[in-house]
């Protein structure tokens, strides 16, 4: 039996597989960048809450009320 050689077979398969692989890679990169953006927004919101001290404000109002005589 003679071995048959297919010269264009790999080229055709690569033409079909490479775009699918690239699409998957780009999809993963897009999702990663989107999640990174959400993490940045969450971190900024968390920093805002770290600067906000409701207990301290409550204590100051209580002390003010005691000074006024309420």
PDB file of N, CA and C in Angstrom:
ATOM      1  N   UNK A   1       0.822  -1.182   0.000  1.00  0.00           N
ATOM      2  CA  UNK A   1       0.000   0.000   0.000  1.00  0.00           C
ATOM      3  C   UNK A   1       0.865   1.243   0.000  1.00  0.00           C
ATOM      4  N   UNK A   2       0.467   2.150  -0.784  1.00  0.00           N
ATOM      5  CA  UNK A   2       1.188   3.414  -0.856  1.00  0.00           C
ATOM      6  C   UNK A   2       0.575   4.393   0.151  1.00  0.00           C
ATOM      7  N   UNK A   3       1.452   5.169   0.734  1.00  0.00           N
ATOM      8  CA  UNK A   3       0.961   6.195   1.656  1.00  0.00           C
ATOM      9  C   UNK A   3       0.535   7.418   0.858  1.00  0.00           C
ATOM     10  N   UNK A   4      -0.638   7.898   1.167  1.00  0.00           N
ATOM     11  CA  UNK A   4      -1.144   9.087   0.481  1.00  0.00           C
ATOM     12  C   UNK A   4      -0.740  10.318   1.267  1.00  0.00           C
ATOM     13  N   UNK A   5      -0.311  11.300   0.540  1.00  0.00           N
ATOM     14  CA  UNK A   5       0.087  12.546   1.186  1.00  0.00           C
ATOM     15  C   UNK A   5      -0.942  13.621   0.838  1.00  0.00           C
ATOM     16  N   UNK A   6      -1.363  14.319   1.850  1.00  0.00           N
ATOM     17  CA  UNK A   6      -2.288  15.426   1.647  1.00  0.00           C
ATOM     18  C   UNK A   6      -1.533  16.702   1.975  1.00  0.00           C
ATOM     19  N   UNK A   7      -1.163  17.432   0.968  1.00  0.00           N
ATOM     20  CA  UNK A   7      -0.334  18.618   1.161  1.00  0.00           C
ATOM     21  C   UNK A   7      -1.126  19.797   1.741  1.00  0.00           C
ATOM     22  N   UNK A   8      -2.344  19.989   1.312  1.00  0.00           N
ATOM     23  CA  UNK A   8      -3.115  21.146   1.760  1.00  0.00           C
ATOM     24  C   UNK A   8      -3.953  20.887   2.991  1.00  0.00           C
ATOM     25  N   UNK A   9      -3.929  19.698   3.501  1.00  0.00           N
ATOM     26  CA  UNK A   9      -4.778  19.334   4.627  1.00  0.00           C
ATOM     27  C   UNK A   9      -4.478  20.155   5.876  1.00  0.00           C
ATOM     28  N   UNK A  10      -3.230  20.304   6.230  1.00  0.00           N
ATOM     29  CA  UNK A  10      -2.864  21.058   7.433  1.00  0.00           C
ATOM     30  C   UNK A  10      -3.219  22.529   7.295  1.00  0.00           C
ATOM     31  N   UNK A  11      -3.094  23.068   6.129  1.00  0.00           N
ATOM     32  CA  UNK A  11      -3.427  24.473   5.900  1.00  0.00           C
ATOM     33  C   UNK A  11      -4.916  24.712   6.102  1.00  0.00           C
ATOM     34  N   UNK A  12      -5.732  23.838   5.592  1.00  0.00           N
ATOM     35  CA  UNK A  12      -7.181  23.978   5.734  1.00  0.00           C
ATOM     36  C   UNK A  12      -7.584  23.817   7.188  1.00  0.00           C
ATOM     37  N   UNK A  13      -7.021  22.839   7.863  1.00  0.00           N
ATOM     38  CA  UNK A  13      -7.345  22.644   9.280  1.00  0.00           C
ATOM     39  C   UNK A  13      -6.907  23.833  10.112  1.00  0.00           C
ATOM     40  N   UNK A  14      -5.743  24.363   9.830  1.00  0.00           N
ATOM     41  CA  UNK A  14      -5.252  25.531  10.563  1.00  0.00           C
ATOM     42  C   UNK A  14      -6.139  26.741  10.292  1.00  0.00           C
ATOM     43  N   UNK A  15      -6.624  26.875   9.075  1.00  0.00           N
ATOM     44  CA  UNK A  15      -7.496  27.996   8.737  1.00  0.00           C
ATOM     45  C   UNK A  15      -8.814  27.915   9.503  1.00  0.00           C
ATOM     46  N   UNK A  16      -9.208  26.741   9.907  1.00  0.00           N
ATOM     47  CA  UNK A  16     -10.440  26.584  10.675  1.00  0.00           C
ATOM     48  C   UNK A  16     -10.193  26.675  12.180  1.00  0.00           C
ATOM     49  N   UNK A  17      -9.078  26.161  12.641  1.00  0.00           N
ATOM     50  CA  UNK A  17      -8.816  26.082  14.079  1.00  0.00           C
ATOM     51  C   UNK A  17      -8.266  27.394  14.638  1.00  0.00           C
ATOM     52  N   UNK A  18      -7.383  28.052  13.947  1.00  0.00           N
ATOM     53  CA  UNK A  18      -6.731  29.264  14.457  1.00  0.00           C
ATOM     54  C   UNK A  18      -7.742  30.363  14.794  1.00  0.00           C
ATOM     55  N   UNK A  19      -8.719  30.686  13.952  1.00  0.00           N
ATOM     56  CA  UNK A  19      -9.686  31.724  14.336  1.00  0.00           C
ATOM     57  C   UNK A  19     -10.495  31.362  15.582  1.00  0.00           C
ATOM     58  N   UNK A  20     -10.829  30.102  15.737  1.00  0.00           N
ATOM     59  CA  UNK A  20     -11.572  29.680  16.924  1.00  0.00           C
ATOM     60  C   UNK A  20     -10.713  29.855  18.175  1.00  0.00           C
ATOM     61  N   UNK A  21      -9.459  29.461  18.100  1.00  0.00           N
ATOM     62  CA  UNK A  21      -8.553  29.609  19.239  1.00  0.00           C
ATOM     63  C   UNK A  21      -8.338  31.083  19.567  1.00  0.00           C
ATOM     64  N   UNK A  22      -8.131  31.915  18.559  1.00  0.00           N
ATOM     65  CA  UNK A  22      -7.953  33.349  18.783  1.00  0.00           C
ATOM     66  C   UNK A  22      -9.203  33.974  19.401  1.00  0.00           C
ATOM     67  N   UNK A  23     -10.370  33.565  18.933  1.00  0.00           N
ATOM     68  CA  UNK A  23     -11.619  34.074  19.485  1.00  0.00           C
ATOM     69  C   UNK A  23     -11.734  33.719  20.967  1.00  0.00           C
ATOM     70  N   UNK A  24     -11.383  32.497  21.322  1.00  0.00           N
ATOM     71  CA  UNK A  24     -11.441  32.078  22.732  1.00  0.00           C
ATOM     72  C   UNK A  24     -10.466  32.889  23.582  1.00  0.00           C
ATOM     73  N   UNK A  25      -9.276  33.118  23.080  1.00  0.00           N
ATOM     74  CA  UNK A  25      -8.286  33.900  23.813  1.00  0.00           C
ATOM     75  C   UNK A  25      -8.773  35.326  24.002  1.00  0.00           C
ATOM     76  N   UNK A  26      -9.304  35.941  22.956  1.00  0.00           N
ATOM     77  CA  UNK A  26      -9.800  37.311  23.053  1.00  0.00           C
ATOM     78  C   UNK A  26     -11.006  37.409  23.979  1.00  0.00           C
ATOM     79  N   UNK A  27     -11.849  36.395  23.980  1.00  0.00           N
ATOM     80  CA  UNK A  27     -12.997  36.373  24.878  1.00  0.00           C
ATOM     81  C   UNK A  27     -12.536  36.333  26.338  1.00  0.00           C
ATOM     82  N   UNK A  28     -11.552  35.510  26.620  1.00  0.00           N
ATOM     83  CA  UNK A  28     -11.012  35.413  27.976  1.00  0.00           C
ATOM     84  C   UNK A  28     -10.354  36.731  28.390  1.00  0.00           C
ATOM     85  N   UNK A  29      -9.610  37.357  27.484  1.00  0.00           N
ATOM     86  CA  UNK A  29      -8.984  38.643  27.785  1.00  0.00           C
ATOM     87  C   UNK A  29     -10.037  39.713  28.057  1.00  0.00           C
ATOM     88  N   UNK A  30     -11.094  39.745  27.262  1.00  0.00           N
ATOM     89  CA  UNK A  30     -12.160  40.721  27.447  1.00  0.00           C
ATOM     90  C   UNK A  30     -12.829  40.552  28.806  1.00  0.00           C
ATOM     91  N   UNK A  31     -13.119  39.325  29.180  1.00  0.00           N
ATOM     92  CA  UNK A  31     -13.738  39.065  30.476  1.00  0.00           C
ATOM     93  C   UNK A  31     -12.793  39.447  31.616  1.00  0.00           C
ATOM     94  N   UNK A  32     -11.523  39.183  31.444  1.00  0.00           N
ATOM     95  CA  UNK A  32     -10.543  39.553  32.461  1.00  0.00           C
ATOM     96  C   UNK A  32     -10.467  41.054  32.655  1.00  0.00           C
ATOM     97  N   UNK A  33     -10.465  41.802  31.549  1.00  0.00           N
ATOM     98  CA  UNK A  33     -10.424  43.259  31.648  1.00  0.00           C
ATOM     99  C   UNK A  33     -11.708  43.808  32.278  1.00  0.00           C
ATOM    100  N   UNK A  34     -12.833  43.213  31.954  1.00  0.00           N
ATOM    101  CA  UNK A  34     -14.107  43.645  32.541  1.00  0.00           C
ATOM    102  C   UNK A  34     -14.117  43.392  34.050  1.00  0.00           C
ATOM    103  N   UNK A  35     -13.639  42.229  34.463  1.00  0.00           N
ATOM    104  CA  UNK A  35     -13.570  41.929  35.891  1.00  0.00           C
ATOM    105  C   UNK A  35     -12.574  42.848  36.603  1.00  0.00           C
ATOM    106  N   UNK A  36     -11.492  43.184  35.948  1.00  0.00           N
ATOM    107  CA  UNK A  36     -10.521  44.108  36.532  1.00  0.00           C
ATOM    108  C   UNK A  36     -11.168  45.471  36.765  1.00  0.00           C
ATOM    109  N   UNK A  37     -11.947  45.932  35.795  1.00  0.00           N
ATOM    110  CA  UNK A  37     -12.651  47.206  35.951  1.00  0.00           C
ATOM    111  C   UNK A  37     -13.613  47.177  37.126  1.00  0.00           C
ATOM    112  N   UNK A  38     -14.313  46.071  37.316  1.00  0.00           N
ATOM    113  CA  UNK A  38     -15.224  45.948  38.455  1.00  0.00           C
ATOM    114  C   UNK A  38     -14.458  45.954  39.778  1.00  0.00           C
ATOM    115  N   UNK A  39     -13.298  45.319  39.804  1.00  0.00           N
ATOM    116  CA  UNK A  39     -12.490  45.309  41.023  1.00  0.00           C
ATOM    117  C   UNK A  39     -12.015  46.718  41.354  1.00  0.00           C
ATOM    118  N   UNK A  40     -11.613  47.487  40.348  1.00  0.00           N
ATOM    119  CA  UNK A  40     -11.167  48.863  40.575  1.00  0.00           C
ATOM    120  C   UNK A  40     -12.313  49.699  41.141  1.00  0.00           C
ATOM    121  N   UNK A  41     -13.515  49.564  40.569  1.00  0.00           N
ATOM    122  CA  UNK A  41     -14.674  50.312  41.081  1.00  0.00           C
ATOM    123  C   UNK A  41     -14.985  49.922  42.521  1.00  0.00           C
ATOM    124  N   UNK A  42     -14.926  48.634  42.820  1.00  0.00           N
ATOM    125  CA  UNK A  42     -15.205  48.169  44.180  1.00  0.00           C
ATOM    126  C   UNK A  42     -14.164  48.691  45.158  1.00  0.00           C
ATOM    127  N   UNK A  43     -12.913  48.709  44.749  1.00  0.00           N
ATOM    128  CA  UNK A  43     -11.847  49.217  45.619  1.00  0.00           C
ATOM    129  C   UNK A  43     -12.046  50.703  45.900  1.00  0.00           C
ATOM    130  N   UNK A  44     -12.466  51.467  44.907  1.00  0.00           N
ATOM    131  CA  UNK A  44     -12.719  52.887  45.111  1.00  0.00           C
ATOM    132  C   UNK A  44     -13.882  53.103  46.070  1.00  0.00           C
ATOM    133  N   UNK A  45     -14.930  52.293  45.950  1.00  0.00           N
ATOM    134  CA  UNK A  45     -16.062  52.406  46.877  1.00  0.00           C
ATOM    135  C   UNK A  45     -15.642  52.037  48.290  1.00  0.00           C
ATOM    136  N   UNK A  46     -14.793  51.027  48.418  1.00  0.00           N
ATOM    137  CA  UNK A  46     -14.328  50.607  49.730  1.00  0.00           C
ATOM    138  C   UNK A  46     -13.499  51.702  50.380  1.00  0.00           C
ATOM    139  N   UNK A  47     -12.665  52.388  49.596  1.00  0.00           N
ATOM    140  CA  UNK A  47     -11.860  53.487  50.139  1.00  0.00           C
ATOM    141  C   UNK A  47     -12.764  54.591  50.662  1.00  0.00           C
ATOM    142  N   UNK A  48     -13.879  54.850  49.982  1.00  0.00           N
ATOM    143  CA  UNK A  48     -14.813  55.867  50.427  1.00  0.00           C
ATOM    144  C   UNK A  48     -15.387  55.478  51.796  1.00  0.00           C
ATOM    145  N   UNK A  49     -15.731  54.190  51.964  1.00  0.00           N
ATOM    146  CA  UNK A  49     -16.306  53.756  53.231  1.00  0.00           C
ATOM    147  C   UNK A  49     -15.271  53.739  54.345  1.00  0.00           C
ATOM    148  N   UNK A  50     -14.005  53.536  54.005  1.00  0.00           N
ATOM    149  CA  UNK A  50     -12.968  53.556  55.032  1.00  0.00           C
ATOM    150  C   UNK A  50     -12.783  54.960  55.590  1.00  0.00           C
ATOM    151  N   UNK A  51     -13.035  55.984  54.770  1.00  0.00           N
ATOM    152  CA  UNK A  51     -12.922  57.362  55.228  1.00  0.00           C
ATOM    153  C   UNK A  51     -14.137  57.779  56.049  1.00  0.00           C
ATOM    154  N   UNK A  52     -15.239  57.067  55.931  1.00  0.00           N
ATOM    155  CA  UNK A  52     -16.470  57.385  56.623  1.00  0.00           C
ATOM    156  C   UNK A  52     -16.493  56.660  57.962  1.00  0.00           C
ATOM    157  N   UNK A  53     -16.576  57.427  59.057  1.00  0.00           N
ATOM    158  CA  UNK A  53     -16.553  56.848  60.399  1.00  0.00           C
ATOM    159  C   UNK A  53     -17.844  57.224  61.123  1.00  0.00           C
ATOM    160  N   UNK A  54     -18.900  56.445  60.951  1.00  0.00           N
ATOM    161  CA  UNK A  54     -20.182  56.812  61.566  1.00  0.00           C
ATOM    162  C   UNK A  54     -20.140  56.766  63.096  1.00  0.00           C
ATOM    163  N   UNK A  55     -19.379  55.845  63.665  1.00  0.00           N
ATOM    164  CA  UNK A  55     -19.307  55.753  65.121  1.00  0.00           C
ATOM    165  C   UNK A  55     -18.668  57.008  65.707  1.00  0.00           C
ATOM    166  N   UNK A  56     -17.669  57.513  65.046  1.00  0.00           N
ATOM    167  CA  UNK A  56     -17.000  58.719  65.519  1.00  0.00           C
ATOM    168  C   UNK A  56     -17.951  59.909  65.474  1.00  0.00           C
ATOM    169  N   UNK A  57     -18.709  60.017  64.393  1.00  0.00           N
ATOM    170  CA  UNK A  57     -19.681  61.111  64.296  1.00  0.00           C
ATOM    171  C   UNK A  57     -20.755  60.973  65.365  1.00  0.00           C
ATOM    172  N   UNK A  58     -21.195  59.756  65.648  1.00  0.00           N
ATOM    173  CA  UNK A  58     -22.205  59.520  66.669  1.00  0.00           C
ATOM    174  C   UNK A  58     -21.673  59.932  68.040  1.00  0.00           C
ATOM    175  N   UNK A  59     -20.419  59.565  68.335  1.00  0.00           N
ATOM    176  CA  UNK A  59     -19.821  59.946  69.621  1.00  0.00           C
ATOM    177  C   UNK A  59     -19.735  61.460  69.767  1.00  0.00           C
ATOM    178  N   UNK A  60     -19.365  62.144  68.695  1.00  0.00           N
ATOM    179  CA  UNK A  60     -19.278  63.602  68.748  1.00  0.00           C
ATOM    180  C   UNK A  60     -20.653  64.211  68.999  1.00  0.00           C
ATOM    181  N   UNK A  61     -21.694  63.667  68.349  1.00  0.00           N
ATOM    182  CA  UNK A  61     -23.043  64.177  68.582  1.00  0.00           C
ATOM    183  C   UNK A  61     -23.502  63.894  70.004  1.00  0.00           C
ATOM    184  N   UNK A  62     -23.162  62.723  70.547  1.00  0.00           N
ATOM    185  CA  UNK A  62     -23.499  62.407  71.930  1.00  0.00           C
ATOM    186  C   UNK A  62     -22.795  63.361  72.893  1.00  0.00           C
ATOM    187  N   UNK A  63     -21.538  63.622  72.658  1.00  0.00           N
ATOM    188  CA  UNK A  63     -20.784  64.549  73.514  1.00  0.00           C
ATOM    189  C   UNK A  63     -21.358  65.956  73.407  1.00  0.00           C
ATOM    190  N   UNK A  64     -21.724  66.361  72.221  1.00  0.00           N
ATOM    191  CA  UNK A  64     -22.337  67.670  72.026  1.00  0.00           C
ATOM    192  C   UNK A  64     -23.665  67.748  72.768  1.00  0.00           C
ATOM    193  N   UNK A  65     -24.426  66.683  72.699  1.00  0.00           N
ATOM    194  CA  UNK A  65     -25.700  66.646  73.424  1.00  0.00           C
ATOM    195  C   UNK A  65     -25.491  66.727  74.926  1.00  0.00           C
ATOM    196  N   UNK A  66     -24.460  66.071  75.441  1.00  0.00           N
ATOM    197  CA  UNK A  66     -24.154  66.144  76.862  1.00  0.00           C
ATOM    198  C   UNK A  66     -23.728  67.549  77.270  1.00  0.00           C
ATOM    199  N   UNK A  67     -22.958  68.205  76.410  1.00  0.00           N
ATOM    200  CA  UNK A  67     -22.530  69.574  76.718  1.00  0.00           C
ATOM    201  C   UNK A  67     -23.700  70.540  76.718  1.00  0.00           C
ATOM    202  N   UNK A  68     -24.630  70.357  75.803  1.00  0.00           N
ATOM    203  CA  UNK A  68     -25.785  71.237  75.706  1.00  0.00           C
ATOM    204  C   UNK A  68     -26.755  70.940  76.838  1.00  0.00           C
ATOM    205  N   UNK A  69     -26.814  69.723  77.284  1.00  0.00           N
ATOM    206  CA  UNK A  69     -27.667  69.339  78.380  1.00  0.00           C
ATOM    207  C   UNK A  69     -28.916  68.586  77.948  1.00  0.00           C
ATOM    208  N   UNK A  70     -28.867  67.911  76.886  1.00  0.00           N
ATOM    209  CA  UNK A  70     -30.016  67.131  76.430  1.00  0.00           C
ATOM    210  C   UNK A  70     -30.111  65.839  77.161  1.00  0.00           C
TER     211      UNK A  70
END
